[in-house]
């Protein structure tokens, strides 16, 4: 799966469980470990766990 499709799948999964403040950072020039960092917030501990489970 190419990077754009994978990024879209992850963002869609986060949106499905009502993630808030979804941010995507391009880290290709900063680190060789990964190309993107996606950060999202939740409104409770339960929702945050759900966000993590939805993108596994």
PDB file of N, CA and C in Angstrom:
ATOM      1  N   UNK A   1       0.857  -1.167   0.000  1.00  0.00           N
ATOM      2  CA  UNK A   1       0.000   0.000   0.000  1.00  0.00           C
ATOM      3  C   UNK A   1       0.909   1.238   0.000  1.00  0.00           C
ATOM      4  N   UNK A   2       0.607   2.186  -0.860  1.00  0.00           N
ATOM      5  CA  UNK A   2       1.455   3.375  -0.902  1.00  0.00           C
ATOM      6  C   UNK A   2       1.154   4.298   0.283  1.00  0.00           C
ATOM      7  N   UNK A   3       2.035   5.237   0.501  1.00  0.00           N
ATOM      8  CA  UNK A   3       1.976   6.097   1.676  1.00  0.00           C
ATOM      9  C   UNK A   3       0.695   6.925   1.747  1.00  0.00           C
ATOM     10  N   UNK A   4       0.260   7.491   0.629  1.00  0.00           N
ATOM     11  CA  UNK A   4      -0.960   8.316   0.613  1.00  0.00           C
ATOM     12  C   UNK A   4      -2.193   7.495   1.000  1.00  0.00           C
ATOM     13  N   UNK A   5      -2.288   6.271   0.466  1.00  0.00           N
ATOM     14  CA  UNK A   5      -3.438   5.415   0.786  1.00  0.00           C
ATOM     15  C   UNK A   5      -3.422   5.013   2.250  1.00  0.00           C
ATOM     16  N   UNK A   6      -2.253   4.649   2.755  1.00  0.00           N
ATOM     17  CA  UNK A   6      -2.132   4.262   4.161  1.00  0.00           C
ATOM     18  C   UNK A   6      -2.489   5.426   5.077  1.00  0.00           C
ATOM     19  N   UNK A   7      -2.009   6.610   4.753  1.00  0.00           N
ATOM     20  CA  UNK A   7      -2.336   7.805   5.535  1.00  0.00           C
ATOM     21  C   UNK A   7      -3.841   8.043   5.539  1.00  0.00           C
ATOM     22  N   UNK A   8      -4.498   7.895   4.385  1.00  0.00           N
ATOM     23  CA  UNK A   8      -5.950   8.104   4.295  1.00  0.00           C
ATOM     24  C   UNK A   8      -6.703   7.066   5.120  1.00  0.00           C
ATOM     25  N   UNK A   9      -6.253   5.803   5.094  1.00  0.00           N
ATOM     26  CA  UNK A   9      -6.896   4.742   5.869  1.00  0.00           C
ATOM     27  C   UNK A   9      -6.807   5.044   7.367  1.00  0.00           C
ATOM     28  N   UNK A  10      -5.652   5.497   7.813  1.00  0.00           N
ATOM     29  CA  UNK A  10      -5.474   5.806   9.230  1.00  0.00           C
ATOM     30  C   UNK A  10      -6.343   6.992   9.644  1.00  0.00           C
ATOM     31  N   UNK A  11      -6.359   8.030   8.836  1.00  0.00           N
ATOM     32  CA  UNK A  11      -7.180   9.201   9.155  1.00  0.00           C
ATOM     33  C   UNK A  11      -8.659   8.829   9.162  1.00  0.00           C
ATOM     34  N   UNK A  12      -9.093   8.026   8.204  1.00  0.00           N
ATOM     35  CA  UNK A  12     -10.493   7.585   8.181  1.00  0.00           C
ATOM     36  C   UNK A  12     -10.845   6.787   9.432  1.00  0.00           C
ATOM     37  N   UNK A  13      -9.935   5.910   9.854  1.00  0.00           N
ATOM     38  CA  UNK A  13     -10.179   5.109  11.058  1.00  0.00           C
ATOM     39  C   UNK A  13     -10.288   6.007  12.285  1.00  0.00           C
ATOM     40  N   UNK A  14      -9.449   7.018  12.367  1.00  0.00           N
ATOM     41  CA  UNK A  14      -9.513   7.951  13.497  1.00  0.00           C
ATOM     42  C   UNK A  14     -10.802   8.763  13.467  1.00  0.00           C
ATOM     43  N   UNK A  15     -11.206   9.194  12.295  1.00  0.00           N
ATOM     44  CA  UNK A  15     -12.444   9.969  12.179  1.00  0.00           C
ATOM     45  C   UNK A  15     -13.668   9.129  12.525  1.00  0.00           C
ATOM     46  N   UNK A  16     -13.616   7.828  12.222  1.00  0.00           N
ATOM     47  CA  UNK A  16     -14.740   6.937  12.540  1.00  0.00           C
ATOM     48  C   UNK A  16     -15.014   6.868  14.042  1.00  0.00           C
ATOM     49  N   UNK A  17     -13.972   6.992  14.850  1.00  0.00           N
ATOM     50  CA  UNK A  17     -14.156   6.953  16.300  1.00  0.00           C
ATOM     51  C   UNK A  17     -14.060   8.354  16.906  1.00  0.00           C
ATOM     52  N   UNK A  18     -14.352   9.350  16.083  1.00  0.00           N
ATOM     53  CA  UNK A  18     -14.500  10.749  16.525  1.00  0.00           C
ATOM     54  C   UNK A  18     -13.229  11.360  17.120  1.00  0.00           C
ATOM     55  N   UNK A  19     -12.080  11.079  16.497  1.00  0.00           N
ATOM     56  CA  UNK A  19     -10.841  11.716  16.936  1.00  0.00           C
ATOM     57  C   UNK A  19     -10.933  13.219  16.712  1.00  0.00           C
ATOM     58  N   UNK A  20     -10.229  13.945  17.541  1.00  0.00           N
ATOM     59  CA  UNK A  20     -10.228  15.400  17.444  1.00  0.00           C
ATOM     60  C   UNK A  20      -8.816  15.883  17.122  1.00  0.00           C
ATOM     61  N   UNK A  21      -8.725  17.039  16.501  1.00  0.00           N
ATOM     62  CA  UNK A  21      -7.434  17.684  16.222  1.00  0.00           C
ATOM     63  C   UNK A  21      -6.435  16.745  15.545  1.00  0.00           C
ATOM     64  N   UNK A  22      -6.833  16.099  14.487  1.00  0.00           N
ATOM     65  CA  UNK A  22      -5.949  15.184  13.759  1.00  0.00           C
ATOM     66  C   UNK A  22      -4.906  16.008  13.009  1.00  0.00           C
ATOM     67  N   UNK A  23      -3.654  15.697  13.254  1.00  0.00           N
ATOM     68  CA  UNK A  23      -2.544  16.392  12.598  1.00  0.00           C
ATOM     69  C   UNK A  23      -1.636  15.364  11.940  1.00  0.00           C
ATOM     70  N   UNK A  24      -1.166  15.689  10.741  1.00  0.00           N
ATOM     71  CA  UNK A  24      -0.239  14.826  10.019  1.00  0.00           C
ATOM     72  C   UNK A  24       1.044  15.616   9.785  1.00  0.00           C
ATOM     73  N   UNK A  25       2.164  15.062  10.208  1.00  0.00           N
ATOM     74  CA  UNK A  25       3.458  15.711  10.047  1.00  0.00           C
ATOM     75  C   UNK A  25       4.334  14.875   9.122  1.00  0.00           C
ATOM     76  N   UNK A  26       4.914  15.531   8.148  1.00  0.00           N
ATOM     77  CA  UNK A  26       5.855  14.893   7.226  1.00  0.00           C
ATOM     78  C   UNK A  26       7.226  14.920   7.877  1.00  0.00           C
ATOM     79  N   UNK A  27       7.770  13.760   8.192  1.00  0.00           N
ATOM     80  CA  UNK A  27       9.050  13.682   8.889  1.00  0.00           C
ATOM     81  C   UNK A  27      10.142  13.061   8.027  1.00  0.00           C
ATOM     82  N   UNK A  28       9.930  13.011   6.734  1.00  0.00           N
ATOM     83  CA  UNK A  28      10.910  12.362   5.857  1.00  0.00           C
ATOM     84  C   UNK A  28      12.279  13.031   5.923  1.00  0.00           C
ATOM     85  N   UNK A  29      12.320  14.335   6.126  1.00  0.00           N
ATOM     86  CA  UNK A  29      13.603  15.044   6.183  1.00  0.00           C
ATOM     87  C   UNK A  29      14.188  15.093   7.590  1.00  0.00           C
ATOM     88  N   UNK A  30      13.408  14.671   8.572  1.00  0.00           N
ATOM     89  CA  UNK A  30      13.863  14.721   9.955  1.00  0.00           C
ATOM     90  C   UNK A  30      14.390  13.394  10.475  1.00  0.00           C
ATOM     91  N   UNK A  31      13.825  12.298   9.979  1.00  0.00           N
ATOM     92  CA  UNK A  31      14.185  10.983  10.502  1.00  0.00           C
ATOM     93  C   UNK A  31      14.063   9.929   9.412  1.00  0.00           C
ATOM     94  N   UNK A  32      14.947   8.962   9.455  1.00  0.00           N
ATOM     95  CA  UNK A  32      14.856   7.841   8.519  1.00  0.00           C
ATOM     96  C   UNK A  32      13.970   6.726   9.065  1.00  0.00           C
ATOM     97  N   UNK A  33      13.488   6.858  10.292  1.00  0.00           N
ATOM     98  CA  UNK A  33      12.678   5.817  10.918  1.00  0.00           C
ATOM     99  C   UNK A  33      11.273   5.751  10.346  1.00  0.00           C
ATOM    100  N   UNK A  34      10.693   6.894  10.021  1.00  0.00           N
ATOM    101  CA  UNK A  34       9.329   6.914   9.505  1.00  0.00           C
ATOM    102  C   UNK A  34       9.108   8.164   8.662  1.00  0.00           C
ATOM    103  N   UNK A  35       8.083   8.105   7.798  1.00  0.00           N
ATOM    104  CA  UNK A  35       7.803   9.199   6.874  1.00  0.00           C
ATOM    105  C   UNK A  35       6.737  10.154   7.382  1.00  0.00           C
ATOM    106  N   UNK A  36       5.800   9.660   8.182  1.00  0.00           N
ATOM    107  CA  UNK A  36       4.718  10.495   8.692  1.00  0.00           C
ATOM    108  C   UNK A  36       4.483  10.211  10.168  1.00  0.00           C
ATOM    109  N   UNK A  37       4.056  11.242  10.876  1.00  0.00           N
ATOM    110  CA  UNK A  37       3.590  11.105  12.249  1.00  0.00           C
ATOM    111  C   UNK A  37       2.171  11.652  12.256  1.00  0.00           C
ATOM    112  N   UNK A  38       1.236  10.847  12.760  1.00  0.00           N
ATOM    113  CA  UNK A  38      -0.157  11.276  12.835  1.00  0.00           C
ATOM    114  C   UNK A  38      -0.534  11.336  14.306  1.00  0.00           C
ATOM    115  N   UNK A  39      -1.011  12.505  14.725  1.00  0.00           N
ATOM    116  CA  UNK A  39      -1.370  12.734  16.118  1.00  0.00           C
ATOM    117  C   UNK A  39      -2.840  13.131  16.179  1.00  0.00           C
ATOM    118  N   UNK A  40      -3.557  12.529  17.120  1.00  0.00           N
ATOM    119  CA  UNK A  40      -4.968  12.860  17.308  1.00  0.00           C
ATOM    120  C   UNK A  40      -5.259  12.877  18.801  1.00  0.00           C
ATOM    121  N   UNK A  41      -6.279  13.619  19.177  1.00  0.00           N
ATOM    122  CA  UNK A  41      -6.669  13.672  20.581  1.00  0.00           C
ATOM    123  C   UNK A  41      -8.069  13.098  20.762  1.00  0.00           C
ATOM    124  N   UNK A  42      -8.344  12.708  21.989  1.00  0.00           N
ATOM    125  CA  UNK A  42      -9.664  12.215  22.359  1.00  0.00           C
ATOM    126  C   UNK A  42     -10.167  12.984  23.562  1.00  0.00           C
ATOM    127  N   UNK A  43     -11.439  12.833  23.849  1.00  0.00           N
ATOM    128  CA  UNK A  43     -12.024  13.602  24.945  1.00  0.00           C
ATOM    129  C   UNK A  43     -12.035  12.850  26.276  1.00  0.00           C
ATOM    130  N   UNK A  44     -11.644  11.564  26.261  1.00  0.00           N
ATOM    131  CA  UNK A  44     -11.605  10.783  27.500  1.00  0.00           C
ATOM    132  C   UNK A  44     -10.595   9.657  27.349  1.00  0.00           C
ATOM    133  N   UNK A  45     -10.255   9.021  28.466  1.00  0.00           N
ATOM    134  CA  UNK A  45      -9.340   7.879  28.420  1.00  0.00           C
ATOM    135  C   UNK A  45      -9.916   6.747  27.574  1.00  0.00           C
ATOM    136  N   UNK A  46     -11.194   6.503  27.723  1.00  0.00           N
ATOM    137  CA  UNK A  46     -11.854   5.439  26.969  1.00  0.00           C
ATOM    138  C   UNK A  46     -11.776   5.717  25.464  1.00  0.00           C
ATOM    139  N   UNK A  47     -12.031   6.949  25.063  1.00  0.00           N
ATOM    140  CA  UNK A  47     -11.971   7.292  23.641  1.00  0.00           C
ATOM    141  C   UNK A  47     -10.537   7.202  23.124  1.00  0.00           C
ATOM    142  N   UNK A  48      -9.578   7.614  23.908  1.00  0.00           N
ATOM    143  CA  UNK A  48      -8.179   7.548  23.502  1.00  0.00           C
ATOM    144  C   UNK A  48      -7.758   6.105  23.267  1.00  0.00           C
ATOM    145  N   UNK A  49      -8.186   5.186  24.136  1.00  0.00           N
ATOM    146  CA  UNK A  49      -7.889   3.761  23.930  1.00  0.00           C
ATOM    147  C   UNK A  49      -8.552   3.267  22.653  1.00  0.00           C
ATOM    148  N   UNK A  50      -9.755   3.712  22.393  1.00  0.00           N
ATOM    149  CA  UNK A  50     -10.474   3.332  21.174  1.00  0.00           C
ATOM    150  C   UNK A  50      -9.744   3.846  19.936  1.00  0.00           C
ATOM    151  N   UNK A  51      -9.206   5.053  20.013  1.00  0.00           N
ATOM    152  CA  UNK A  51      -8.437   5.602  18.887  1.00  0.00           C
ATOM    153  C   UNK A  51      -7.220   4.724  18.595  1.00  0.00           C
ATOM    154  N   UNK A  52      -6.526   4.346  19.643  1.00  0.00           N
ATOM    155  CA  UNK A  52      -5.343   3.503  19.465  1.00  0.00           C
ATOM    156  C   UNK A  52      -5.707   2.149  18.873  1.00  0.00           C
ATOM    157  N   UNK A  53      -6.789   1.556  19.336  1.00  0.00           N
ATOM    158  CA  UNK A  53      -7.192   0.253  18.835  1.00  0.00           C
ATOM    159  C   UNK A  53      -7.646   0.317  17.378  1.00  0.00           C
ATOM    160  N   UNK A  54      -8.200   1.444  16.958  1.00  0.00           N
ATOM    161  CA  UNK A  54      -8.749   1.537  15.602  1.00  0.00           C
ATOM    162  C   UNK A  54      -7.672   1.642  14.532  1.00  0.00           C
ATOM    163  N   UNK A  55      -6.451   1.992  14.898  1.00  0.00           N
ATOM    164  CA  UNK A  55      -5.392   2.121  13.893  1.00  0.00           C
ATOM    165  C   UNK A  55      -4.321   1.051  14.008  1.00  0.00           C
ATOM    166  N   UNK A  56      -4.504   0.074  14.859  1.00  0.00           N
ATOM    167  CA  UNK A  56      -3.548  -1.025  15.006  1.00  0.00           C
ATOM    168  C   UNK A  56      -3.359  -1.782  13.736  1.00  0.00           C
TER     169      UNK A  56
END
